[in-house]
Amino acid sequence: MPGKAPRFFSVALLLAAAGVIAATAPKIPSDFKYTALGTELSFWTREGYRPTPDTRRATVAASIELAEAHPHRATYQALAAMALAGQARLSFDPQVSKAATEESTRFSHRAKQLRPKG
């Protein structure tokens, strides 16, 4: 029976690994999207870079979509707030700027509420 114990542990380890993969796999595409959006947003504050209106609209929309799809992820809420703040800052239309600022504040408050207390 010495051969059965190592097999049992191998099967148990394989099942545990499969469980971890199954639990984290759905988050991976969202995390890639978060990283791509965050990279784009990081350029918005650089001198000499001005995203096109289409890029701004697409980035803001994708950030909001990600935040609303994952309402319990503070980092995604903060990303949407940052995208909207950038939209407000870069817009030449005062009404668009005001609306984006208000929505940015809403996402920022939501992100703050989701952060661990301590």
N, C-alpha and C. Protein backbone atom coordinates (compact mmCIF):
# COMPACT_ATOMS: atom_id res chain seq x y z
N MET A 1 0.78 -1.21 0.00
CA MET A 1 0.00 0.00 0.00
C MET A 1 0.83 1.28 0.00
N PRO A 2 2.14 1.20 0.03
CA PRO A 2 2.91 2.43 0.04
C PRO A 2 2.68 3.29 -1.20
N GLY A 3 2.26 2.74 -2.33
CA GLY A 3 2.05 3.50 -3.54
C GLY A 3 0.76 4.31 -3.54
N LYS A 4 -0.20 3.95 -2.68
CA LYS A 4 -1.50 4.64 -2.69
C LYS A 4 -1.44 6.00 -2.00
N ALA A 5 -0.63 6.14 -0.98
CA ALA A 5 -0.55 7.41 -0.26
C ALA A 5 -0.03 8.53 -1.15
N PRO A 6 1.08 8.34 -1.88
CA PRO A 6 1.54 9.42 -2.75
C PRO A 6 0.52 9.76 -3.84
N ARG A 7 -0.18 8.76 -4.35
CA ARG A 7 -1.21 9.04 -5.36
C ARG A 7 -2.34 9.86 -4.77
N PHE A 8 -2.74 9.51 -3.54
CA PHE A 8 -3.81 10.24 -2.88
C PHE A 8 -3.43 11.72 -2.72
N PHE A 9 -2.21 11.96 -2.25
CA PHE A 9 -1.76 13.34 -2.06
C PHE A 9 -1.61 14.06 -3.39
N SER A 10 -1.19 13.36 -4.42
CA SER A 10 -1.08 13.96 -5.74
C SER A 10 -2.46 14.37 -6.27
N VAL A 11 -3.44 13.50 -6.08
CA VAL A 11 -4.80 13.81 -6.52
C VAL A 11 -5.37 14.96 -5.70
N ALA A 12 -5.12 14.95 -4.40
CA ALA A 12 -5.62 16.03 -3.54
C ALA A 12 -4.99 17.37 -3.93
N LEU A 13 -3.69 17.35 -4.21
CA LEU A 13 -3.00 18.56 -4.63
C LEU A 13 -3.52 19.05 -5.98
N LEU A 14 -3.76 18.15 -6.89
CA LEU A 14 -4.31 18.50 -8.19
C LEU A 14 -5.70 19.11 -8.07
N LEU A 15 -6.54 18.54 -7.20
CA LEU A 15 -7.88 19.09 -6.99
C LEU A 15 -7.82 20.47 -6.35
N ALA A 16 -6.92 20.66 -5.41
CA ALA A 16 -6.77 21.96 -4.77
C ALA A 16 -6.31 23.00 -5.79
N ALA A 17 -5.36 22.64 -6.64
CA ALA A 17 -4.88 23.55 -7.67
C ALA A 17 -6.00 23.89 -8.65
N ALA A 18 -6.79 22.91 -9.02
CA ALA A 18 -7.92 23.14 -9.93
C ALA A 18 -8.92 24.10 -9.29
N GLY A 19 -9.15 23.97 -8.00
CA GLY A 19 -10.06 24.86 -7.29
C GLY A 19 -9.56 26.29 -7.28
N VAL A 20 -8.28 26.47 -7.05
CA VAL A 20 -7.69 27.81 -7.06
C VAL A 20 -7.80 28.43 -8.45
N ILE A 21 -7.50 27.65 -9.47
CA ILE A 21 -7.59 28.15 -10.84
C ILE A 21 -9.03 28.53 -11.18
N ALA A 22 -9.97 27.67 -10.80
CA ALA A 22 -11.38 27.94 -11.10
C ALA A 22 -11.86 29.20 -10.38
N ALA A 23 -11.35 29.45 -9.18
CA ALA A 23 -11.79 30.61 -8.41
C ALA A 23 -11.20 31.91 -8.96
N THR A 24 -9.98 31.85 -9.49
CA THR A 24 -9.33 33.09 -9.95
C THR A 24 -9.47 33.35 -11.44
N ALA A 25 -9.76 32.35 -12.22
CA ALA A 25 -9.82 32.51 -13.68
C ALA A 25 -10.79 33.59 -14.14
N PRO A 26 -11.98 33.72 -13.57
CA PRO A 26 -12.89 34.77 -14.05
C PRO A 26 -12.36 36.19 -13.83
N LYS A 27 -11.47 36.37 -12.88
CA LYS A 27 -10.96 37.71 -12.58
C LYS A 27 -9.85 38.15 -13.53
N ILE A 28 -9.20 37.21 -14.19
CA ILE A 28 -8.02 37.52 -14.99
C ILE A 28 -8.34 38.47 -16.15
N PRO A 29 -9.38 38.23 -16.96
CA PRO A 29 -9.66 39.19 -18.05
C PRO A 29 -9.95 40.60 -17.52
N SER A 30 -10.65 40.70 -16.42
CA SER A 30 -10.94 42.02 -15.84
C SER A 30 -9.66 42.69 -15.37
N ASP A 31 -8.76 41.93 -14.79
CA ASP A 31 -7.50 42.51 -14.34
C ASP A 31 -6.65 42.99 -15.51
N PHE A 32 -6.66 42.25 -16.62
CA PHE A 32 -5.95 42.71 -17.81
C PHE A 32 -6.55 44.00 -18.33
N LYS A 33 -7.87 44.07 -18.36
CA LYS A 33 -8.56 45.27 -18.82
C LYS A 33 -8.22 46.45 -17.90
N TYR A 34 -8.23 46.21 -16.58
CA TYR A 34 -7.89 47.23 -15.60
C TYR A 34 -6.47 47.77 -15.86
N THR A 35 -5.55 46.87 -16.12
CA THR A 35 -4.16 47.26 -16.35
C THR A 35 -4.03 48.09 -17.62
N ALA A 36 -4.71 47.66 -18.68
CA ALA A 36 -4.65 48.42 -19.94
C ALA A 36 -5.25 49.81 -19.78
N LEU A 37 -6.39 49.89 -19.11
CA LEU A 37 -7.03 51.19 -18.90
C LEU A 37 -6.17 52.09 -18.01
N GLY A 38 -5.61 51.51 -16.97
CA GLY A 38 -4.74 52.28 -16.09
C GLY A 38 -3.51 52.82 -16.81
N THR A 39 -2.98 52.03 -17.71
CA THR A 39 -1.83 52.48 -18.50
C THR A 39 -2.22 53.66 -19.39
N GLU A 40 -3.35 53.53 -20.06
CA GLU A 40 -3.83 54.64 -20.91
C GLU A 40 -4.03 55.90 -20.05
N LEU A 41 -4.69 55.75 -18.92
CA LEU A 41 -4.96 56.91 -18.06
C LEU A 41 -3.68 57.54 -17.53
N SER A 42 -2.65 56.76 -17.33
CA SER A 42 -1.40 57.31 -16.82
C SER A 42 -0.78 58.29 -17.81
N PHE A 43 -1.06 58.12 -19.09
CA PHE A 43 -0.53 59.04 -20.09
C PHE A 43 -1.30 60.35 -20.14
N TRP A 44 -2.51 60.36 -19.65
CA TRP A 44 -3.35 61.56 -19.73
C TRP A 44 -2.76 62.72 -18.94
N THR A 45 -1.91 62.46 -17.99
CA THR A 45 -1.33 63.54 -17.18
C THR A 45 0.05 63.95 -17.68
N ARG A 46 0.52 63.31 -18.72
CA ARG A 46 1.85 63.64 -19.24
C ARG A 46 1.77 64.83 -20.19
N GLU A 47 2.78 65.66 -20.06
CA GLU A 47 2.85 66.82 -20.94
C GLU A 47 3.08 66.37 -22.37
N GLY A 48 2.38 66.99 -23.28
CA GLY A 48 2.56 66.66 -24.68
C GLY A 48 1.65 65.54 -25.19
N TYR A 49 0.92 64.90 -24.28
CA TYR A 49 0.00 63.84 -24.72
C TYR A 49 -1.42 64.32 -24.49
N ARG A 50 -2.20 64.29 -25.53
CA ARG A 50 -3.61 64.65 -25.42
C ARG A 50 -4.40 63.58 -26.15
N PRO A 51 -5.14 62.75 -25.38
CA PRO A 51 -5.91 61.69 -26.04
C PRO A 51 -7.00 62.28 -26.92
N THR A 52 -7.29 61.60 -28.01
CA THR A 52 -8.36 62.06 -28.90
C THR A 52 -9.70 61.95 -28.18
N PRO A 53 -10.69 62.69 -28.63
CA PRO A 53 -12.01 62.56 -28.02
C PRO A 53 -12.54 61.11 -28.05
N ASP A 54 -12.27 60.40 -29.15
CA ASP A 54 -12.70 59.00 -29.23
C ASP A 54 -12.00 58.13 -28.19
N THR A 55 -10.71 58.37 -28.00
CA THR A 55 -9.96 57.61 -26.98
C THR A 55 -10.49 57.93 -25.60
N ARG A 56 -10.78 59.20 -25.35
CA ARG A 56 -11.32 59.58 -24.03
C ARG A 56 -12.67 58.92 -23.79
N ARG A 57 -13.54 58.99 -24.78
CA ARG A 57 -14.87 58.38 -24.63
C ARG A 57 -14.76 56.87 -24.39
N ALA A 58 -13.94 56.21 -25.19
CA ALA A 58 -13.80 54.76 -25.07
C ALA A 58 -13.19 54.37 -23.72
N THR A 59 -12.19 55.11 -23.27
CA THR A 59 -11.54 54.81 -22.00
C THR A 59 -12.48 55.03 -20.83
N VAL A 60 -13.19 56.13 -20.85
CA VAL A 60 -14.14 56.42 -19.78
C VAL A 60 -15.25 55.37 -19.76
N ALA A 61 -15.80 55.06 -20.92
CA ALA A 61 -16.88 54.07 -20.99
C ALA A 61 -16.41 52.70 -20.50
N ALA A 62 -15.22 52.29 -20.92
CA ALA A 62 -14.70 50.98 -20.48
C ALA A 62 -14.42 50.97 -18.98
N SER A 63 -13.94 52.08 -18.44
CA SER A 63 -13.67 52.16 -17.00
C SER A 63 -14.96 52.08 -16.19
N ILE A 64 -15.98 52.78 -16.65
CA ILE A 64 -17.28 52.73 -15.96
C ILE A 64 -17.87 51.33 -16.05
N GLU A 65 -17.78 50.73 -17.24
CA GLU A 65 -18.30 49.38 -17.44
C GLU A 65 -17.62 48.39 -16.50
N LEU A 66 -16.30 48.50 -16.37
CA LEU A 66 -15.55 47.62 -15.49
C LEU A 66 -15.95 47.82 -14.03
N ALA A 67 -16.10 49.07 -13.62
CA ALA A 67 -16.48 49.38 -12.24
C ALA A 67 -17.89 48.87 -11.93
N GLU A 68 -18.79 49.03 -12.87
CA GLU A 68 -20.17 48.58 -12.64
C GLU A 68 -20.30 47.06 -12.70
N ALA A 69 -19.44 46.41 -13.46
CA ALA A 69 -19.45 44.94 -13.51
C ALA A 69 -18.87 44.32 -12.24
N HIS A 70 -18.04 45.09 -11.54
CA HIS A 70 -17.40 44.62 -10.31
C HIS A 70 -17.59 45.66 -9.21
N PRO A 71 -18.82 45.80 -8.71
CA PRO A 71 -19.12 46.88 -7.76
C PRO A 71 -18.43 46.76 -6.40
N HIS A 72 -17.81 45.63 -6.12
CA HIS A 72 -17.15 45.44 -4.82
C HIS A 72 -15.63 45.55 -4.92
N ARG A 73 -15.12 45.97 -6.07
CA ARG A 73 -13.67 46.13 -6.24
C ARG A 73 -13.32 47.61 -6.18
N ALA A 74 -12.73 48.02 -5.07
CA ALA A 74 -12.41 49.44 -4.85
C ALA A 74 -11.48 49.99 -5.92
N THR A 75 -10.53 49.18 -6.36
CA THR A 75 -9.58 49.67 -7.36
C THR A 75 -10.27 49.98 -8.68
N TYR A 76 -11.29 49.21 -9.03
CA TYR A 76 -12.03 49.46 -10.27
C TYR A 76 -12.88 50.73 -10.13
N GLN A 77 -13.42 50.97 -8.94
CA GLN A 77 -14.19 52.19 -8.71
C GLN A 77 -13.26 53.41 -8.80
N ALA A 78 -12.07 53.28 -8.23
CA ALA A 78 -11.10 54.38 -8.27
C ALA A 78 -10.64 54.64 -9.70
N LEU A 79 -10.51 53.59 -10.50
CA LEU A 79 -10.11 53.76 -11.90
C LEU A 79 -11.18 54.55 -12.67
N ALA A 80 -12.45 54.21 -12.45
CA ALA A 80 -13.52 54.94 -13.11
C ALA A 80 -13.51 56.41 -12.66
N ALA A 81 -13.27 56.65 -11.38
CA ALA A 81 -13.20 58.03 -10.88
C ALA A 81 -12.06 58.79 -11.56
N MET A 82 -10.93 58.13 -11.71
CA MET A 82 -9.77 58.77 -12.35
C MET A 82 -10.05 59.06 -13.83
N ALA A 83 -10.71 58.13 -14.52
CA ALA A 83 -11.03 58.34 -15.93
C ALA A 83 -11.99 59.52 -16.09
N LEU A 84 -12.98 59.56 -15.23
CA LEU A 84 -13.96 60.67 -15.31
C LEU A 84 -13.32 62.00 -14.94
N ALA A 85 -12.43 62.01 -13.97
CA ALA A 85 -11.72 63.24 -13.61
C ALA A 85 -10.87 63.72 -14.78
N GLY A 86 -10.24 62.78 -15.47
CA GLY A 86 -9.46 63.15 -16.66
C GLY A 86 -10.35 63.70 -17.75
N GLN A 87 -11.51 63.08 -17.94
CA GLN A 87 -12.47 63.57 -18.94
C GLN A 87 -12.90 65.00 -18.60
N ALA A 88 -13.15 65.24 -17.32
CA ALA A 88 -13.57 66.58 -16.90
C ALA A 88 -12.46 67.60 -17.16
N ARG A 89 -11.24 67.23 -16.87
CA ARG A 89 -10.11 68.14 -17.03
C ARG A 89 -9.80 68.43 -18.50
N LEU A 90 -9.98 67.43 -19.35
CA LEU A 90 -9.61 67.58 -20.76
C LEU A 90 -10.73 68.11 -21.65
N SER A 91 -11.95 68.16 -21.12
CA SER A 91 -13.09 68.59 -21.93
C SER A 91 -13.12 70.11 -22.08
N PHE A 92 -13.52 70.54 -23.26
CA PHE A 92 -13.69 71.98 -23.50
C PHE A 92 -15.13 72.41 -23.24
N ASP A 93 -16.00 71.46 -23.01
CA ASP A 93 -17.43 71.74 -22.77
C ASP A 93 -17.69 71.79 -21.27
N PRO A 94 -18.09 72.94 -20.73
CA PRO A 94 -18.30 73.07 -19.29
C PRO A 94 -19.36 72.11 -18.74
N GLN A 95 -20.39 71.83 -19.53
CA GLN A 95 -21.43 70.90 -19.05
C GLN A 95 -20.89 69.47 -18.96
N VAL A 96 -20.11 69.06 -19.95
CA VAL A 96 -19.50 67.73 -19.92
C VAL A 96 -18.54 67.65 -18.74
N SER A 97 -17.78 68.70 -18.55
CA SER A 97 -16.81 68.74 -17.45
C SER A 97 -17.51 68.64 -16.09
N LYS A 98 -18.59 69.36 -15.94
CA LYS A 98 -19.35 69.34 -14.66
C LYS A 98 -19.95 67.97 -14.41
N ALA A 99 -20.56 67.39 -15.42
CA ALA A 99 -21.18 66.06 -15.27
C ALA A 99 -20.13 65.00 -14.96
N ALA A 100 -18.98 65.07 -15.64
CA ALA A 100 -17.91 64.09 -15.40
C ALA A 100 -17.34 64.24 -13.99
N THR A 101 -17.22 65.47 -13.52
CA THR A 101 -16.73 65.71 -12.16
C THR A 101 -17.68 65.12 -11.12
N GLU A 102 -18.97 65.33 -11.32
CA GLU A 102 -19.96 64.79 -10.38
C GLU A 102 -19.94 63.26 -10.36
N GLU A 103 -19.85 62.66 -11.55
CA GLU A 103 -19.81 61.20 -11.61
C GLU A 103 -18.49 60.67 -11.04
N SER A 104 -17.41 61.38 -11.28
CA SER A 104 -16.11 61.00 -10.72
C SER A 104 -16.18 60.99 -9.19
N THR A 105 -16.82 61.99 -8.63
CA THR A 105 -16.97 62.07 -7.18
C THR A 105 -17.76 60.88 -6.64
N ARG A 106 -18.79 60.50 -7.36
CA ARG A 106 -19.61 59.35 -6.94
C ARG A 106 -18.77 58.06 -6.91
N PHE A 107 -17.99 57.83 -7.97
CA PHE A 107 -17.15 56.63 -8.00
C PHE A 107 -16.05 56.70 -6.94
N SER A 108 -15.53 57.89 -6.71
CA SER A 108 -14.49 58.07 -5.70
C SER A 108 -15.02 57.75 -4.30
N HIS A 109 -16.23 58.21 -4.00
CA HIS A 109 -16.84 57.90 -2.70
C HIS A 109 -17.09 56.41 -2.56
N ARG A 110 -17.54 55.79 -3.64
CA ARG A 110 -17.78 54.34 -3.60
C ARG A 110 -16.47 53.59 -3.34
N ALA A 111 -15.39 54.02 -4.00
CA ALA A 111 -14.09 53.38 -3.79
C ALA A 111 -13.63 53.54 -2.34
N LYS A 112 -13.83 54.72 -1.80
CA LYS A 112 -13.43 54.99 -0.42
C LYS A 112 -14.20 54.12 0.57
N GLN A 113 -15.49 53.93 0.31
CA GLN A 113 -16.31 53.09 1.19
C GLN A 113 -15.89 51.62 1.14
N LEU A 114 -15.36 51.20 0.02
CA LEU A 114 -14.96 49.80 -0.14
C LEU A 114 -13.57 49.51 0.42
N ARG A 115 -12.81 50.52 0.67
CA ARG A 115 -11.44 50.30 1.21
C ARG A 115 -11.54 49.77 2.63
N PRO A 116 -10.58 48.91 2.99
CA PRO A 116 -10.58 48.38 4.36
C PRO A 116 -10.43 49.50 5.38
N LYS A 117 -11.14 49.38 6.47
CA LYS A 117 -11.04 50.37 7.56
C LYS A 117 -9.81 50.04 8.41
N GLY A 118 -9.18 51.07 8.90
CA GLY A 118 -8.05 50.75 9.77
C GLY A 118 -7.06 51.81 9.93
